[in-house]
Amino acid sequence: MKSNFISLKNKLHEVSIVEPNDLGFPLLTFFYRRINVYFKKMPFLFIIPASLVSAYLFYAIFGYLAVRLASILQYGF
């Protein structure tokens, strides 16, 4: 019984080990690790304002075409 518990504990430890992310290019990996910290701590603090700003910029750049695209996508789905 004790050996089964130890082997189960070892297997759970193996599952919890996650290798660090490597993007293959050191500069990209550096920026990814720096930016990813903020998304792990408080994702909605960054995602919601970023989505609002990007939606406003999309509308400011494309104007009527953005509204038209949203209407087409609504009817399609």
N, C-alpha and C. Protein backbone atom coordinates (compact mmCIF):
# COMPACT_ATOMS: atom_id res chain seq x y z
N MET A 1 0.82 -1.20 0.00
CA MET A 1 0.00 0.00 0.00
C MET A 1 0.86 1.26 0.00
N LYS A 2 1.90 1.23 0.82
CA LYS A 2 2.77 2.39 0.92
C LYS A 2 3.53 2.64 -0.40
N SER A 3 3.94 1.56 -1.06
CA SER A 3 4.66 1.71 -2.32
C SER A 3 3.75 2.30 -3.41
N ASN A 4 2.45 1.94 -3.39
CA ASN A 4 1.51 2.52 -4.34
C ASN A 4 1.35 4.02 -4.12
N PHE A 5 1.30 4.41 -2.85
CA PHE A 5 1.17 5.82 -2.52
C PHE A 5 2.39 6.61 -2.98
N ILE A 6 3.58 6.03 -2.77
CA ILE A 6 4.81 6.70 -3.17
C ILE A 6 4.89 6.83 -4.69
N SER A 7 4.50 5.77 -5.40
CA SER A 7 4.54 5.85 -6.86
C SER A 7 3.51 6.85 -7.38
N LEU A 8 2.35 6.92 -6.74
CA LEU A 8 1.34 7.91 -7.13
C LEU A 8 1.85 9.32 -6.88
N LYS A 9 2.50 9.50 -5.74
CA LYS A 9 3.05 10.81 -5.41
C LYS A 9 4.12 11.21 -6.42
N ASN A 10 4.97 10.29 -6.82
CA ASN A 10 5.99 10.57 -7.83
C ASN A 10 5.37 10.92 -9.18
N LYS A 11 4.33 10.21 -9.57
CA LYS A 11 3.65 10.50 -10.84
C LYS A 11 3.00 11.88 -10.82
N LEU A 12 2.37 12.24 -9.70
CA LEU A 12 1.77 13.57 -9.59
C LEU A 12 2.84 14.67 -9.65
N HIS A 13 3.99 14.41 -9.08
CA HIS A 13 5.08 15.37 -9.15
C HIS A 13 5.57 15.53 -10.59
N GLU A 14 5.63 14.43 -11.34
CA GLU A 14 6.05 14.50 -12.75
C GLU A 14 5.07 15.31 -13.58
N VAL A 15 3.80 15.18 -13.28
CA VAL A 15 2.78 15.91 -14.04
C VAL A 15 2.87 17.40 -13.77
N SER A 16 3.22 17.76 -12.55
CA SER A 16 3.26 19.18 -12.21
C SER A 16 4.51 19.89 -12.70
N ILE A 17 5.49 19.17 -13.19
CA ILE A 17 6.71 19.79 -13.71
C ILE A 17 6.43 20.29 -15.13
N VAL A 18 6.60 21.59 -15.32
CA VAL A 18 6.38 22.20 -16.63
C VAL A 18 7.68 22.84 -17.07
N GLU A 19 8.10 22.52 -18.26
CA GLU A 19 9.33 23.10 -18.78
C GLU A 19 9.11 24.57 -19.11
N PRO A 20 10.12 25.40 -18.96
CA PRO A 20 9.96 26.82 -19.30
C PRO A 20 9.76 27.01 -20.79
N ASN A 21 9.01 28.05 -21.14
CA ASN A 21 8.74 28.33 -22.54
C ASN A 21 9.99 28.88 -23.22
N ASP A 22 10.23 28.40 -24.42
CA ASP A 22 11.35 28.88 -25.21
C ASP A 22 10.84 29.07 -26.63
N LEU A 23 10.94 30.29 -27.13
CA LEU A 23 10.44 30.59 -28.46
C LEU A 23 11.47 30.37 -29.55
N GLY A 24 12.67 29.96 -29.18
CA GLY A 24 13.69 29.67 -30.17
C GLY A 24 14.58 30.85 -30.49
N PHE A 25 14.14 32.04 -30.22
CA PHE A 25 14.90 33.26 -30.47
C PHE A 25 15.02 33.98 -29.13
N PRO A 26 16.22 34.19 -28.62
CA PRO A 26 16.38 34.72 -27.25
C PRO A 26 15.69 36.06 -27.00
N LEU A 27 15.67 36.94 -27.98
CA LEU A 27 15.04 38.25 -27.78
C LEU A 27 13.52 38.10 -27.64
N LEU A 28 12.92 37.26 -28.47
CA LEU A 28 11.48 37.01 -28.37
C LEU A 28 11.13 36.33 -27.05
N THR A 29 11.95 35.39 -26.63
CA THR A 29 11.72 34.71 -25.36
C THR A 29 11.79 35.70 -24.20
N PHE A 30 12.74 36.61 -24.24
CA PHE A 30 12.88 37.62 -23.19
C PHE A 30 11.62 38.49 -23.10
N PHE A 31 11.16 39.00 -24.25
CA PHE A 31 9.96 39.85 -24.24
C PHE A 31 8.72 39.07 -23.84
N TYR A 32 8.61 37.82 -24.29
CA TYR A 32 7.47 36.98 -23.94
C TYR A 32 7.39 36.77 -22.43
N ARG A 33 8.51 36.49 -21.80
CA ARG A 33 8.52 36.27 -20.35
C ARG A 33 8.21 37.55 -19.59
N ARG A 34 8.68 38.69 -20.08
CA ARG A 34 8.40 39.96 -19.41
C ARG A 34 6.92 40.34 -19.51
N ILE A 35 6.32 40.14 -20.66
CA ILE A 35 4.92 40.51 -20.88
C ILE A 35 3.97 39.51 -20.23
N ASN A 36 4.31 38.25 -20.28
CA ASN A 36 3.44 37.19 -19.78
C ASN A 36 3.20 37.28 -18.28
N VAL A 37 4.13 37.86 -17.54
CA VAL A 37 3.96 37.99 -16.08
C VAL A 37 2.71 38.80 -15.77
N TYR A 38 2.48 39.88 -16.49
CA TYR A 38 1.32 40.73 -16.22
C TYR A 38 0.01 40.03 -16.58
N PHE A 39 0.01 39.23 -17.63
CA PHE A 39 -1.21 38.52 -18.00
C PHE A 39 -1.55 37.41 -17.01
N LYS A 40 -0.57 36.85 -16.35
CA LYS A 40 -0.83 35.82 -15.36
C LYS A 40 -1.37 36.41 -14.06
N LYS A 41 -0.91 37.60 -13.69
CA LYS A 41 -1.34 38.20 -12.43
C LYS A 41 -2.76 38.76 -12.53
N MET A 42 -2.97 39.68 -13.45
CA MET A 42 -4.28 40.34 -13.59
C MET A 42 -4.62 40.48 -15.07
N PRO A 43 -5.15 39.44 -15.69
CA PRO A 43 -5.35 39.50 -17.14
C PRO A 43 -6.40 40.51 -17.57
N PHE A 44 -7.49 40.65 -16.81
CA PHE A 44 -8.56 41.54 -17.25
C PHE A 44 -8.19 43.01 -17.10
N LEU A 45 -7.23 43.30 -16.25
CA LEU A 45 -6.78 44.67 -16.10
C LEU A 45 -6.12 45.17 -17.38
N PHE A 46 -5.58 44.27 -18.18
CA PHE A 46 -4.91 44.64 -19.43
C PHE A 46 -5.76 44.32 -20.66
N ILE A 47 -6.51 43.23 -20.60
CA ILE A 47 -7.25 42.78 -21.79
C ILE A 47 -8.43 43.69 -22.09
N ILE A 48 -9.19 44.07 -21.09
CA ILE A 48 -10.38 44.90 -21.34
C ILE A 48 -10.02 46.27 -21.89
N PRO A 49 -9.10 47.02 -21.28
CA PRO A 49 -8.74 48.31 -21.88
C PRO A 49 -8.11 48.16 -23.28
N ALA A 50 -7.30 47.13 -23.46
CA ALA A 50 -6.69 46.92 -24.78
C ALA A 50 -7.74 46.62 -25.83
N SER A 51 -8.76 45.85 -25.49
CA SER A 51 -9.81 45.54 -26.47
C SER A 51 -10.65 46.77 -26.77
N LEU A 52 -10.93 47.60 -25.76
CA LEU A 52 -11.68 48.83 -26.01
C LEU A 52 -10.91 49.79 -26.90
N VAL A 53 -9.63 49.95 -26.63
CA VAL A 53 -8.80 50.84 -27.44
C VAL A 53 -8.68 50.32 -28.86
N SER A 54 -8.47 49.02 -29.02
CA SER A 54 -8.34 48.46 -30.36
C SER A 54 -9.65 48.55 -31.13
N ALA A 55 -10.79 48.38 -30.47
CA ALA A 55 -12.08 48.51 -31.15
C ALA A 55 -12.31 49.95 -31.59
N TYR A 56 -11.95 50.90 -30.74
CA TYR A 56 -12.10 52.31 -31.11
C TYR A 56 -11.18 52.67 -32.28
N LEU A 57 -9.93 52.20 -32.23
CA LEU A 57 -9.00 52.48 -33.34
C LEU A 57 -9.48 51.83 -34.64
N PHE A 58 -10.00 50.63 -34.55
CA PHE A 58 -10.53 49.95 -35.74
C PHE A 58 -11.68 50.75 -36.33
N TYR A 59 -12.56 51.27 -35.47
CA TYR A 59 -13.67 52.08 -35.95
C TYR A 59 -13.18 53.42 -36.50
N ALA A 60 -12.19 54.02 -35.86
CA ALA A 60 -11.67 55.31 -36.31
C ALA A 60 -10.97 55.18 -37.66
N ILE A 61 -10.31 54.06 -37.89
CA ILE A 61 -9.59 53.88 -39.16
C ILE A 61 -10.54 53.48 -40.28
N PHE A 62 -11.41 52.51 -40.04
CA PHE A 62 -12.24 51.97 -41.11
C PHE A 62 -13.65 52.53 -41.14
N GLY A 63 -14.09 53.14 -40.06
CA GLY A 63 -15.39 53.81 -40.03
C GLY A 63 -16.56 52.93 -40.37
N TYR A 64 -17.27 53.33 -41.41
CA TYR A 64 -18.50 52.65 -41.82
C TYR A 64 -18.24 51.19 -42.18
N LEU A 65 -17.07 50.88 -42.71
CA LEU A 65 -16.78 49.49 -43.09
C LEU A 65 -16.74 48.57 -41.87
N ALA A 66 -16.32 49.08 -40.74
CA ALA A 66 -16.30 48.27 -39.52
C ALA A 66 -17.71 47.93 -39.08
N VAL A 67 -18.61 48.91 -39.17
CA VAL A 67 -20.02 48.66 -38.81
C VAL A 67 -20.63 47.67 -39.80
N ARG A 68 -20.30 47.82 -41.04
CA ARG A 68 -20.83 46.92 -42.08
C ARG A 68 -20.33 45.48 -41.85
N LEU A 69 -19.05 45.35 -41.52
CA LEU A 69 -18.48 44.02 -41.25
C LEU A 69 -19.15 43.38 -40.04
N ALA A 70 -19.38 44.15 -38.99
CA ALA A 70 -20.06 43.60 -37.80
C ALA A 70 -21.46 43.15 -38.13
N SER A 71 -22.17 43.90 -38.97
CA SER A 71 -23.52 43.50 -39.37
C SER A 71 -23.50 42.22 -40.18
N ILE A 72 -22.57 42.11 -41.09
CA ILE A 72 -22.46 40.89 -41.91
C ILE A 72 -22.14 39.69 -41.02
N LEU A 73 -21.25 39.86 -40.08
CA LEU A 73 -20.89 38.76 -39.20
C LEU A 73 -22.07 38.37 -38.28
N GLN A 74 -22.87 39.34 -37.88
CA GLN A 74 -24.05 39.02 -37.07
C GLN A 74 -25.05 38.18 -37.85
N TYR A 75 -25.28 38.55 -39.08
CA TYR A 75 -26.24 37.79 -39.90
C TYR A 75 -25.71 36.40 -40.25
N GLY A 76 -24.37 36.29 -40.36
CA GLY A 76 -23.77 35.01 -40.72
C GLY A 76 -23.81 33.99 -39.59
N PHE A 77 -23.79 34.47 -38.35
CA PHE A 77 -23.75 33.54 -37.22
C PHE A 77 -25.05 33.58 -36.47
